Amino acid sequence: MCTDAYTRTQPRHGKAHFARHYLEMVAAMVVGMLILGAVTHGILALAGTELSASRQPELASLEMAFDMSVGMAVWMRHRGHGWASTFEMCGAMFVPALVLFPLLWLNVIAPDSMISLEHLAMLPLMFLVMLRRRSEYGG
């Protein structure tokens, strides 16, 4: 009887840990995007230029993915994840661009929608990367 109770609660703990870790990484991405984004835009403003998502969607998209990746990588390394896991997760930030850039160049999507679509693709990709290493993220 005691074994059954333990077995029933153990997967929930793993799922809760998995979900918490996912949310922590999303928060780290947001922090990275806000802090590094502010630094980047501040430096560009001091240089008398700007990075516009509507005029330079590719650069804005890559800058945003980089900023998010740095925040997430710092958090993952802090949590004890290896470099392979960290690079896989950072790759999930850049993969949407590989799909979206050609659609942008073919005028299938508008420059102003590039970053929003990239964000929408990143979240499920992160989840899939985490599922790939379920024992690392859920245990």
C-alpha atoms as a PDB file:
ATOM      1  CA  MET A   1       0.000   0.000   0.000  1.00  0.00           C
ATOM      2  CA  CYS A   2       2.761   2.391   0.869  1.00  0.00           C
ATOM      3  CA  THR A   3       4.493   1.560  -2.402  1.00  0.00           C
ATOM      4  CA  ASP A   4       1.380   2.471  -4.409  1.00  0.00           C
ATOM      5  CA  ALA A   5       1.088   5.863  -2.726  1.00  0.00           C
ATOM      6  CA  TYR A   6       4.766   6.547  -3.419  1.00  0.00           C
ATOM      7  CA  THR A   7       4.400   5.472  -7.053  1.00  0.00           C
ATOM      8  CA  ARG A   8       1.373   7.699  -7.574  1.00  0.00           C
ATOM      9  CA  THR A   9       3.043  10.798  -6.100  1.00  0.00           C
ATOM     10  CA  GLN A  10       6.450  10.348  -7.715  1.00  0.00           C
ATOM     11  CA  PRO A  11       5.376  11.121 -11.332  1.00  0.00           C
ATOM     12  CA  ARG A  12       3.484  14.191 -10.147  1.00  0.00           C
ATOM     13  CA  HIS A  13       6.621  15.442  -8.442  1.00  0.00           C
ATOM     14  CA  GLY A  14       8.516  14.872 -11.692  1.00  0.00           C
ATOM     15  CA  LYS A  15       5.874  16.680 -13.741  1.00  0.00           C
ATOM     16  CA  ALA A  16       5.758  19.553 -11.267  1.00  0.00           C
ATOM     17  CA  HIS A  17       9.552  19.817 -11.351  1.00  0.00           C
ATOM     18  CA  PHE A  18       9.497  19.709 -15.157  1.00  0.00           C
ATOM     19  CA  ALA A  19       6.840  22.442 -15.328  1.00  0.00           C
ATOM     20  CA  ARG A  20       8.628  24.593 -12.756  1.00  0.00           C
ATOM     21  CA  HIS A  21      11.890  24.269 -14.650  1.00  0.00           C
ATOM     22  CA  TYR A  22      10.164  25.220 -17.911  1.00  0.00           C
ATOM     23  CA  LEU A  23       8.690  28.327 -16.308  1.00  0.00           C
ATOM     24  CA  GLU A  24      12.036  29.231 -14.741  1.00  0.00           C
ATOM     25  CA  MET A  25      13.683  29.064 -18.151  1.00  0.00           C
ATOM     26  CA  VAL A  26      10.961  31.215 -19.708  1.00  0.00           C
ATOM     27  CA  ALA A  27      11.484  33.759 -16.917  1.00  0.00           C
ATOM     28  CA  ALA A  28      15.260  33.667 -17.479  1.00  0.00           C
ATOM     29  CA  MET A  29      14.677  34.259 -21.194  1.00  0.00           C
ATOM     30  CA  VAL A  30      12.479  37.257 -20.468  1.00  0.00           C
ATOM     31  CA  VAL A  31      15.068  38.683 -18.074  1.00  0.00           C
ATOM     32  CA  GLY A  32      17.802  38.176 -20.664  1.00  0.00           C
ATOM     33  CA  MET A  33      15.677  39.769 -23.364  1.00  0.00           C
ATOM     34  CA  LEU A  34      14.824  42.782 -21.198  1.00  0.00           C
ATOM     35  CA  ILE A  35      18.290  43.410 -19.782  1.00  0.00           C
ATOM     36  CA  LEU A  36      20.433  42.660 -22.833  1.00  0.00           C
ATOM     37  CA  GLY A  37      17.834  44.220 -25.120  1.00  0.00           C
ATOM     38  CA  ALA A  38      17.957  47.442 -23.090  1.00  0.00           C
ATOM     39  CA  VAL A  39      21.766  47.423 -23.179  1.00  0.00           C
ATOM     40  CA  THR A  40      21.835  46.787 -26.933  1.00  0.00           C
ATOM     41  CA  HIS A  41      19.254  49.444 -27.704  1.00  0.00           C
ATOM     42  CA  GLY A  42      20.984  51.893 -25.347  1.00  0.00           C
ATOM     43  CA  ILE A  43      24.337  51.384 -27.047  1.00  0.00           C
ATOM     44  CA  LEU A  44      22.742  51.755 -30.467  1.00  0.00           C
ATOM     45  CA  ALA A  45      20.978  54.940 -29.337  1.00  0.00           C
ATOM     46  CA  LEU A  46      24.296  56.372 -28.121  1.00  0.00           C
ATOM     47  CA  ALA A  47      25.730  55.541 -31.538  1.00  0.00           C
ATOM     48  CA  GLY A  48      22.833  57.413 -33.163  1.00  0.00           C
ATOM     49  CA  THR A  49      21.133  54.383 -34.691  1.00  0.00           C
ATOM     50  CA  GLU A  50      18.424  51.895 -33.851  1.00  0.00           C
ATOM     51  CA  LEU A  51      17.380  48.320 -34.493  1.00  0.00           C
ATOM     52  CA  SER A  52      13.874  48.228 -35.937  1.00  0.00           C
ATOM     53  CA  ALA A  53      11.835  45.040 -36.086  1.00  0.00           C
ATOM     54  CA  SER A  54       9.891  46.415 -39.044  1.00  0.00           C
ATOM     55  CA  ARG A  55      12.911  47.658 -41.038  1.00  0.00           C
ATOM     56  CA  GLN A  56      15.497  45.027 -40.015  1.00  0.00           C
ATOM     57  CA  PRO A  57      13.423  42.036 -38.948  1.00  0.00           C
ATOM     58  CA  GLU A  58      16.265  39.548 -39.393  1.00  0.00           C
ATOM     59  CA  LEU A  59      18.677  41.472 -37.169  1.00  0.00           C
ATOM     60  CA  ALA A  60      15.994  42.228 -34.587  1.00  0.00           C
ATOM     61  CA  SER A  61      14.999  38.576 -34.554  1.00  0.00           C
ATOM     62  CA  LEU A  62      18.558  37.327 -34.106  1.00  0.00           C
ATOM     63  CA  GLU A  63      19.276  39.924 -31.420  1.00  0.00           C
ATOM     64  CA  MET A  64      16.184  38.888 -29.500  1.00  0.00           C
ATOM     65  CA  ALA A  65      17.050  35.171 -29.782  1.00  0.00           C
ATOM     66  CA  PHE A  66      20.596  35.892 -28.614  1.00  0.00           C
ATOM     67  CA  ASP A  67      19.423  37.931 -25.621  1.00  0.00           C
ATOM     68  CA  MET A  68      16.976  35.204 -24.606  1.00  0.00           C
ATOM     69  CA  SER A  69      19.609  32.504 -25.072  1.00  0.00           C
ATOM     70  CA  VAL A  70      22.108  34.272 -22.838  1.00  0.00           C
ATOM     71  CA  GLY A  71      19.571  34.644 -20.037  1.00  0.00           C
ATOM     72  CA  MET A  72      18.508  31.027 -20.330  1.00  0.00           C
ATOM     73  CA  ALA A  73      22.082  29.721 -20.616  1.00  0.00           C
ATOM     74  CA  VAL A  74      23.149  31.571 -17.473  1.00  0.00           C
ATOM     75  CA  TRP A  75      20.198  30.092 -15.591  1.00  0.00           C
ATOM     76  CA  MET A  76      20.749  26.577 -16.935  1.00  0.00           C
ATOM     77  CA  ARG A  77      24.430  26.610 -16.008  1.00  0.00           C
ATOM     78  CA  HIS A  78      23.496  27.934 -12.565  1.00  0.00           C
ATOM     79  CA  ARG A  79      21.111  24.982 -12.219  1.00  0.00           C
ATOM     80  CA  GLY A  80      23.915  22.561 -13.116  1.00  0.00           C
ATOM     81  CA  HIS A  81      22.990  21.647 -16.685  1.00  0.00           C
ATOM     82  CA  GLY A  82      25.766  20.624 -19.023  1.00  0.00           C
ATOM     83  CA  TRP A  83      26.860  22.486 -22.099  1.00  0.00           C
ATOM     84  CA  ALA A  84      25.135  20.058 -24.485  1.00  0.00           C
ATOM     85  CA  SER A  85      21.740  20.635 -22.875  1.00  0.00           C
ATOM     86  CA  THR A  86      22.357  24.364 -22.723  1.00  0.00           C
ATOM     87  CA  PHE A  87      23.321  24.578 -26.398  1.00  0.00           C
ATOM     88  CA  GLU A  88      20.304  22.489 -27.427  1.00  0.00           C
ATOM     89  CA  MET A  89      18.005  24.812 -25.567  1.00  0.00           C
ATOM     90  CA  CYS A  90      19.686  27.879 -27.047  1.00  0.00           C
ATOM     91  CA  GLY A  91      19.294  26.308 -30.474  1.00  0.00           C
ATOM     92  CA  ALA A  92      15.548  26.233 -29.894  1.00  0.00           C
ATOM     93  CA  MET A  93      15.720  30.033 -29.761  1.00  0.00           C
ATOM     94  CA  PHE A  94      17.319  30.277 -33.194  1.00  0.00           C
ATOM     95  CA  VAL A  95      15.603  27.442 -35.107  1.00  0.00           C
ATOM     96  CA  PRO A  96      12.385  29.412 -35.705  1.00  0.00           C
ATOM     97  CA  ALA A  97      14.398  31.961 -37.652  1.00  0.00           C
ATOM     98  CA  LEU A  98      15.553  29.235 -40.053  1.00  0.00           C
ATOM     99  CA  VAL A  99      11.929  28.595 -40.943  1.00  0.00           C
ATOM    100  CA  LEU A 100      10.612  32.136 -40.708  1.00  0.00           C
ATOM    101  CA  PHE A 101      13.345  34.016 -42.605  1.00  0.00           C
ATOM    102  CA  PRO A 102      12.540  32.403 -45.969  1.00  0.00           C
ATOM    103  CA  LEU A 103       8.835  33.066 -45.364  1.00  0.00           C
ATOM    104  CA  LEU A 104       9.717  36.678 -44.620  1.00  0.00           C
ATOM    105  CA  TRP A 105      11.820  36.973 -47.786  1.00  0.00           C
ATOM    106  CA  LEU A 106       8.981  35.504 -49.849  1.00  0.00           C
ATOM    107  CA  ASN A 107       6.550  38.025 -48.326  1.00  0.00           C
ATOM    108  CA  VAL A 108       4.469  35.232 -46.796  1.00  0.00           C
ATOM    109  CA  ILE A 109       4.793  36.880 -43.387  1.00  0.00           C
ATOM    110  CA  ALA A 110       5.116  40.578 -42.586  1.00  0.00           C
ATOM    111  CA  PRO A 111       8.259  41.989 -40.978  1.00  0.00           C
ATOM    112  CA  ASP A 112       6.210  43.253 -38.023  1.00  0.00           C
ATOM    113  CA  SER A 113       4.966  39.736 -37.257  1.00  0.00           C
ATOM    114  CA  MET A 114       8.392  38.069 -37.359  1.00  0.00           C
ATOM    115  CA  ILE A 115       9.263  38.368 -33.664  1.00  0.00           C
ATOM    116  CA  SER A 116       5.770  37.386 -32.506  1.00  0.00           C
ATOM    117  CA  LEU A 117       5.829  34.270 -34.671  1.00  0.00           C
ATOM    118  CA  GLU A 118       9.330  33.477 -33.470  1.00  0.00           C
ATOM    119  CA  HIS A 119       8.177  33.671 -29.846  1.00  0.00           C
ATOM    120  CA  LEU A 120       5.224  31.410 -30.600  1.00  0.00           C
ATOM    121  CA  ALA A 121       7.536  28.808 -32.119  1.00  0.00           C
ATOM    122  CA  MET A 122      10.179  28.992 -29.376  1.00  0.00           C
ATOM    123  CA  LEU A 123       7.959  27.904 -26.525  1.00  0.00           C
ATOM    124  CA  PRO A 124       6.871  24.549 -27.976  1.00  0.00           C
ATOM    125  CA  LEU A 125      10.409  23.931 -29.267  1.00  0.00           C
ATOM    126  CA  MET A 126      11.758  24.434 -25.752  1.00  0.00           C
ATOM    127  CA  PHE A 127       9.190  21.967 -24.486  1.00  0.00           C
ATOM    128  CA  LEU A 128      10.255  19.394 -27.090  1.00  0.00           C
ATOM    129  CA  VAL A 129      13.932  19.829 -26.198  1.00  0.00           C
ATOM    130  CA  MET A 130      13.023  19.308 -22.554  1.00  0.00           C
ATOM    131  CA  LEU A 131      11.056  16.175 -23.410  1.00  0.00           C
ATOM    132  CA  ARG A 132      14.101  14.848 -25.237  1.00  0.00           C
ATOM    133  CA  ARG A 133      16.035  15.042 -21.964  1.00  0.00           C
ATOM    134  CA  ARG A 134      13.085  14.312 -19.715  1.00  0.00           C
ATOM    135  CA  SER A 135      15.168  12.735 -16.951  1.00  0.00           C
ATOM    136  CA  GLU A 136      17.382  15.804 -16.737  1.00  0.00           C
ATOM    137  CA  TYR A 137      14.526  18.291 -16.548  1.00  0.00           C
ATOM    138  CA  GLY A 138      11.882  16.294 -14.716  1.00  0.00           C
ATOM    139  CA  GLY A 139      13.772  14.575 -11.959  1.00  0.00           C
END
